[in-house]
Amino acid sequence: MVVLLTLAHPSSANSIRIFSLSADEWARPRSGVVIPELTSIRSAVSYWGKGVDALIVIQYPGEDSGELWAAELRDWLISLGVPADYIQMASGTQEADEIKLIVGNRDELEQ
């Protein structure tokens, strides 16, 4: 039973999950009602909330527009209750039209 609980808990090894947010989804008018309804954001924040010392890494396209997109997304995550200290930004996704929300234990993500 202990093994099953350990495997199911997000803080266990291999707890990293990746959620993708497409540019098409982000192109919708954004509001306090729309943002929490985006599946990738809702799922990432929910998974983050279940973790122990969990972190959200926003991996974005390296160009200026990707950086602006990621900064706005970071602000939205903060407004949804994720403290700024639990969000990191990383440029360099392979896809120019998506952002990846990588959620997992801080120790795993910072390796």
N, C-alpha and C. Protein backbone atom coordinates (compact mmCIF):
# COMPACT_ATOMS: atom_id res chain seq x y z
N MET A 1 0.82 -1.19 0.00
CA MET A 1 0.00 0.00 0.00
C MET A 1 0.87 1.26 0.00
N VAL A 2 1.94 1.26 0.77
CA VAL A 2 2.83 2.41 0.81
C VAL A 2 3.44 2.65 -0.56
N VAL A 3 3.80 1.59 -1.26
CA VAL A 3 4.38 1.72 -2.59
C VAL A 3 3.39 2.39 -3.54
N LEU A 4 2.14 2.00 -3.50
CA LEU A 4 1.14 2.61 -4.37
C LEU A 4 0.97 4.09 -4.07
N LEU A 5 0.96 4.46 -2.81
CA LEU A 5 0.83 5.87 -2.46
C LEU A 5 2.04 6.66 -2.92
N THR A 6 3.21 6.09 -2.80
CA THR A 6 4.43 6.76 -3.23
C THR A 6 4.43 6.96 -4.74
N LEU A 7 4.01 5.96 -5.48
CA LEU A 7 3.98 6.08 -6.94
C LEU A 7 2.94 7.09 -7.41
N ALA A 8 1.87 7.23 -6.69
CA ALA A 8 0.81 8.14 -7.09
C ALA A 8 1.08 9.58 -6.70
N HIS A 9 2.01 9.81 -5.79
CA HIS A 9 2.26 11.16 -5.31
C HIS A 9 3.19 11.90 -6.26
N PRO A 10 2.84 13.14 -6.67
CA PRO A 10 3.65 13.90 -7.61
C PRO A 10 5.07 14.19 -7.15
N SER A 11 5.36 14.10 -5.86
CA SER A 11 6.71 14.40 -5.42
C SER A 11 7.65 13.20 -5.57
N SER A 12 7.12 12.06 -5.97
CA SER A 12 7.97 10.89 -6.14
C SER A 12 8.79 11.02 -7.42
N ALA A 13 9.75 10.12 -7.59
CA ALA A 13 10.60 10.14 -8.78
C ALA A 13 9.75 10.11 -10.04
N ASN A 14 10.25 10.74 -11.09
CA ASN A 14 9.55 10.81 -12.37
C ASN A 14 8.21 11.51 -12.24
N SER A 15 8.15 12.55 -11.45
CA SER A 15 6.90 13.27 -11.25
C SER A 15 6.68 14.36 -12.29
N ILE A 16 7.58 14.53 -13.20
CA ILE A 16 7.49 15.63 -14.17
C ILE A 16 6.39 15.36 -15.19
N ARG A 17 5.55 16.37 -15.38
CA ARG A 17 4.49 16.31 -16.39
C ARG A 17 4.62 17.54 -17.29
N ILE A 18 4.32 17.36 -18.57
CA ILE A 18 4.42 18.46 -19.53
C ILE A 18 3.04 18.73 -20.12
N PHE A 19 2.65 19.99 -20.08
CA PHE A 19 1.37 20.43 -20.63
C PHE A 19 1.67 21.46 -21.72
N SER A 20 1.08 21.29 -22.90
CA SER A 20 1.34 22.18 -24.03
C SER A 20 0.20 23.17 -24.22
N LEU A 21 0.58 24.41 -24.47
CA LEU A 21 -0.37 25.49 -24.75
C LEU A 21 -0.05 26.03 -26.13
N SER A 22 -0.99 25.90 -27.06
CA SER A 22 -0.73 26.33 -28.44
C SER A 22 -1.00 27.83 -28.61
N ALA A 23 -0.39 28.38 -29.63
CA ALA A 23 -0.62 29.79 -29.96
C ALA A 23 -2.08 30.02 -30.32
N ASP A 24 -2.72 29.04 -30.96
CA ASP A 24 -4.14 29.18 -31.30
C ASP A 24 -5.00 29.31 -30.05
N GLU A 25 -4.73 28.49 -29.04
CA GLU A 25 -5.47 28.59 -27.78
C GLU A 25 -5.25 29.94 -27.13
N TRP A 26 -4.00 30.40 -27.16
CA TRP A 26 -3.63 31.66 -26.51
C TRP A 26 -4.19 32.86 -27.25
N ALA A 27 -4.49 32.70 -28.53
CA ALA A 27 -4.99 33.81 -29.35
C ALA A 27 -6.40 34.22 -28.97
N ARG A 28 -7.11 33.37 -28.24
CA ARG A 28 -8.46 33.72 -27.79
C ARG A 28 -8.38 34.95 -26.89
N PRO A 29 -9.44 35.74 -26.86
CA PRO A 29 -9.44 36.86 -25.89
C PRO A 29 -9.25 36.30 -24.48
N ARG A 30 -8.34 36.93 -23.73
CA ARG A 30 -8.01 36.42 -22.41
C ARG A 30 -8.72 37.22 -21.32
N SER A 31 -9.21 36.49 -20.34
CA SER A 31 -9.86 37.12 -19.20
C SER A 31 -9.74 36.18 -18.01
N GLY A 32 -10.18 36.65 -16.87
CA GLY A 32 -10.15 35.83 -15.66
C GLY A 32 -11.08 34.64 -15.73
N VAL A 33 -11.97 34.62 -16.72
CA VAL A 33 -12.86 33.48 -16.91
C VAL A 33 -12.25 32.50 -17.91
N VAL A 34 -11.65 33.01 -18.96
CA VAL A 34 -11.12 32.18 -20.05
C VAL A 34 -9.85 31.43 -19.64
N ILE A 35 -8.91 32.13 -19.02
CA ILE A 35 -7.60 31.53 -18.72
C ILE A 35 -7.71 30.26 -17.87
N PRO A 36 -8.47 30.27 -16.78
CA PRO A 36 -8.56 29.03 -15.98
C PRO A 36 -9.26 27.89 -16.70
N GLU A 37 -9.97 28.19 -17.76
CA GLU A 37 -10.67 27.15 -18.51
C GLU A 37 -9.80 26.49 -19.59
N LEU A 38 -8.64 27.08 -19.89
CA LEU A 38 -7.74 26.45 -20.85
C LEU A 38 -7.21 25.17 -20.22
N THR A 39 -7.42 24.06 -20.89
CA THR A 39 -7.11 22.74 -20.34
C THR A 39 -5.67 22.63 -19.84
N SER A 40 -4.72 23.08 -20.63
CA SER A 40 -3.32 22.93 -20.24
C SER A 40 -3.00 23.74 -18.98
N ILE A 41 -3.54 24.93 -18.88
CA ILE A 41 -3.28 25.76 -17.70
C ILE A 41 -3.99 25.17 -16.48
N ARG A 42 -5.23 24.80 -16.64
CA ARG A 42 -5.98 24.20 -15.53
C ARG A 42 -5.29 22.94 -15.03
N SER A 43 -4.85 22.09 -15.95
CA SER A 43 -4.19 20.83 -15.57
C SER A 43 -2.84 21.08 -14.91
N ALA A 44 -2.07 22.02 -15.45
CA ALA A 44 -0.75 22.32 -14.88
C ALA A 44 -0.86 22.88 -13.47
N VAL A 45 -1.78 23.82 -13.26
CA VAL A 45 -1.94 24.42 -11.94
C VAL A 45 -2.47 23.38 -10.94
N SER A 46 -3.38 22.55 -11.39
CA SER A 46 -3.91 21.50 -10.53
C SER A 46 -2.81 20.53 -10.12
N TYR A 47 -2.00 20.10 -11.08
CA TYR A 47 -0.90 19.17 -10.79
C TYR A 47 0.13 19.83 -9.88
N TRP A 48 0.43 21.10 -10.13
CA TRP A 48 1.37 21.83 -9.29
C TRP A 48 0.87 21.86 -7.85
N GLY A 49 -0.41 22.10 -7.66
CA GLY A 49 -1.00 22.19 -6.33
C GLY A 49 -0.94 20.90 -5.54
N LYS A 50 -0.80 19.78 -6.21
CA LYS A 50 -0.73 18.48 -5.53
C LYS A 50 0.69 18.12 -5.13
N GLY A 51 1.68 18.83 -5.65
CA GLY A 51 3.07 18.47 -5.41
C GLY A 51 3.62 19.06 -4.13
N VAL A 52 4.73 18.50 -3.71
CA VAL A 52 5.48 19.01 -2.57
C VAL A 52 6.71 19.71 -3.15
N ASP A 53 6.85 20.99 -2.88
CA ASP A 53 7.93 21.79 -3.44
C ASP A 53 7.94 21.68 -4.97
N ALA A 54 6.74 21.72 -5.56
CA ALA A 54 6.60 21.63 -7.01
C ALA A 54 6.91 22.98 -7.66
N LEU A 55 7.30 22.91 -8.90
CA LEU A 55 7.73 24.07 -9.67
C LEU A 55 7.06 24.00 -11.04
N ILE A 56 6.75 25.16 -11.60
CA ILE A 56 6.25 25.23 -12.99
C ILE A 56 7.32 25.94 -13.81
N VAL A 57 7.80 25.28 -14.84
CA VAL A 57 8.75 25.89 -15.77
C VAL A 57 7.98 26.22 -17.04
N ILE A 58 8.02 27.48 -17.43
CA ILE A 58 7.41 27.91 -18.69
C ILE A 58 8.50 27.89 -19.74
N GLN A 59 8.42 26.93 -20.64
CA GLN A 59 9.40 26.82 -21.72
C GLN A 59 8.77 27.42 -22.96
N TYR A 60 9.39 28.45 -23.50
CA TYR A 60 8.77 29.24 -24.57
C TYR A 60 9.71 29.38 -25.77
N PRO A 61 9.13 29.73 -26.94
CA PRO A 61 9.97 29.97 -28.12
C PRO A 61 10.93 31.12 -27.83
N GLY A 62 12.13 31.04 -28.35
CA GLY A 62 13.18 31.98 -28.01
C GLY A 62 13.06 33.38 -28.56
N GLU A 63 12.17 33.63 -29.47
CA GLU A 63 12.07 34.98 -30.04
C GLU A 63 11.38 35.95 -29.08
N ASP A 64 11.38 37.24 -29.44
CA ASP A 64 10.78 38.26 -28.57
C ASP A 64 9.30 38.00 -28.30
N SER A 65 8.56 37.58 -29.32
CA SER A 65 7.13 37.33 -29.12
C SER A 65 6.92 36.17 -28.15
N GLY A 66 7.80 35.17 -28.18
CA GLY A 66 7.71 34.06 -27.23
C GLY A 66 7.97 34.52 -25.81
N GLU A 67 8.91 35.43 -25.65
CA GLU A 67 9.21 35.95 -24.32
C GLU A 67 8.04 36.78 -23.77
N LEU A 68 7.41 37.57 -24.63
CA LEU A 68 6.23 38.35 -24.21
C LEU A 68 5.08 37.43 -23.82
N TRP A 69 4.87 36.40 -24.63
CA TRP A 69 3.81 35.42 -24.37
C TRP A 69 4.04 34.75 -23.01
N ALA A 70 5.28 34.32 -22.78
CA ALA A 70 5.61 33.63 -21.52
C ALA A 70 5.47 34.56 -20.32
N ALA A 71 5.86 35.82 -20.48
CA ALA A 71 5.73 36.77 -19.37
C ALA A 71 4.26 37.01 -19.02
N GLU A 72 3.42 37.11 -20.03
CA GLU A 72 1.99 37.29 -19.76
C GLU A 72 1.41 36.03 -19.11
N LEU A 73 1.82 34.86 -19.57
CA LEU A 73 1.35 33.62 -18.98
C LEU A 73 1.80 33.53 -17.52
N ARG A 74 3.02 33.92 -17.24
CA ARG A 74 3.52 33.93 -15.86
C ARG A 74 2.64 34.81 -14.98
N ASP A 75 2.28 35.99 -15.48
CA ASP A 75 1.40 36.88 -14.72
C ASP A 75 0.05 36.24 -14.45
N TRP A 76 -0.49 35.52 -15.44
CA TRP A 76 -1.76 34.83 -15.26
C TRP A 76 -1.64 33.72 -14.22
N LEU A 77 -0.54 32.98 -14.26
CA LEU A 77 -0.34 31.90 -13.27
C LEU A 77 -0.28 32.48 -11.85
N ILE A 78 0.38 33.62 -11.71
CA ILE A 78 0.45 34.28 -10.40
C ILE A 78 -0.95 34.69 -9.96
N SER A 79 -1.74 35.21 -10.89
CA SER A 79 -3.11 35.62 -10.54
C SER A 79 -3.98 34.42 -10.16
N LEU A 80 -3.60 33.24 -10.64
CA LEU A 80 -4.33 32.01 -10.30
C LEU A 80 -3.85 31.39 -8.98
N GLY A 81 -2.88 32.05 -8.34
CA GLY A 81 -2.45 31.59 -7.03
C GLY A 81 -1.10 30.89 -6.97
N VAL A 82 -0.39 30.82 -8.08
CA VAL A 82 0.95 30.20 -8.06
C VAL A 82 1.95 31.29 -7.67
N PRO A 83 2.64 31.16 -6.54
CA PRO A 83 3.61 32.18 -6.15
C PRO A 83 4.74 32.29 -7.18
N ALA A 84 5.22 33.50 -7.37
CA ALA A 84 6.27 33.76 -8.36
C ALA A 84 7.51 32.90 -8.13
N ASP A 85 7.81 32.58 -6.87
CA ASP A 85 8.98 31.76 -6.55
C ASP A 85 8.86 30.33 -7.07
N TYR A 86 7.67 29.93 -7.47
CA TYR A 86 7.44 28.57 -7.95
C TYR A 86 7.28 28.52 -9.47
N ILE A 87 7.67 29.61 -10.13
CA ILE A 87 7.59 29.68 -11.60
C ILE A 87 8.97 30.06 -12.12
N GLN A 88 9.44 29.30 -13.10
CA GLN A 88 10.70 29.63 -13.78
C GLN A 88 10.43 29.75 -15.27
N MET A 89 11.23 30.55 -15.93
CA MET A 89 11.11 30.75 -17.37
C MET A 89 12.34 30.13 -18.05
N ALA A 90 12.10 29.52 -19.20
CA ALA A 90 13.20 28.92 -19.96
C ALA A 90 12.90 29.08 -21.45
N SER A 91 13.79 29.71 -22.17
CA SER A 91 13.58 29.88 -23.61
C SER A 91 14.06 28.64 -24.35
N GLY A 92 13.55 28.48 -25.55
CA GLY A 92 14.09 27.45 -26.41
C GLY A 92 13.24 26.25 -26.71
N THR A 93 11.91 26.40 -26.84
CA THR A 93 11.13 25.27 -27.31
C THR A 93 11.41 25.08 -28.80
N GLN A 94 11.22 23.88 -29.27
CA GLN A 94 11.45 23.60 -30.68
C GLN A 94 10.31 24.11 -31.54
N GLU A 95 9.14 24.22 -30.97
CA GLU A 95 7.97 24.68 -31.70
C GLU A 95 7.78 26.17 -31.47
N ALA A 96 7.65 26.93 -32.56
CA ALA A 96 7.46 28.38 -32.45
C ALA A 96 6.04 28.75 -32.05
N ASP A 97 5.13 27.79 -32.14
CA ASP A 97 3.72 28.11 -31.89
C ASP A 97 3.16 27.43 -30.64
N GLU A 98 4.04 27.11 -29.68
CA GLU A 98 3.54 26.53 -28.43
C GLU A 98 4.46 26.84 -27.26
N ILE A 99 3.86 26.83 -26.10
CA ILE A 99 4.59 26.95 -24.84
C ILE A 99 4.36 25.64 -24.09
N LYS A 100 5.38 25.19 -23.43
CA LYS A 100 5.26 23.99 -22.60
C LYS A 100 5.28 24.41 -21.14
N LEU A 101 4.34 23.90 -20.38
CA LEU A 101 4.32 24.08 -18.94
C LEU A 101 4.83 22.77 -18.35
N ILE A 102 6.02 22.81 -17.79
CA ILE A 102 6.66 21.62 -17.25
C ILE A 102 6.52 21.71 -15.73
N VAL A 103 5.84 20.73 -15.16
CA VAL A 103 5.52 20.76 -13.73
C VAL A 103 6.12 19.53 -13.06
N GLY A 104 6.79 19.76 -11.96
CA GLY A 104 7.36 18.65 -11.21
C GLY A 104 8.05 19.13 -9.96
N ASN A 105 8.64 18.20 -9.26
CA ASN A 105 9.38 18.48 -8.04
C ASN A 105 10.58 19.35 -8.38
N ARG A 106 10.82 20.36 -7.57
CA ARG A 106 11.93 21.32 -7.80
C ARG A 106 13.27 20.60 -7.98
N ASP A 107 13.55 19.59 -7.14
CA ASP A 107 14.83 18.88 -7.23
C ASP A 107 14.99 18.19 -8.58
N GLU A 108 13.91 17.59 -9.09
CA GLU A 108 13.99 16.92 -10.38
C GLU A 108 14.20 17.91 -11.52
N LEU A 109 13.49 19.02 -11.47
CA LEU A 109 13.56 19.99 -12.56
C LEU A 109 14.87 20.77 -12.57
N GLU A 110 15.49 20.92 -11.43
CA GLU A 110 16.72 21.71 -11.38
C GLU A 110 17.97 20.87 -11.59
N GLN A 111 17.81 19.60 -11.94
CA GLN A 111 18.97 18.73 -12.21
C GLN A 111 19.56 19.03 -13.56
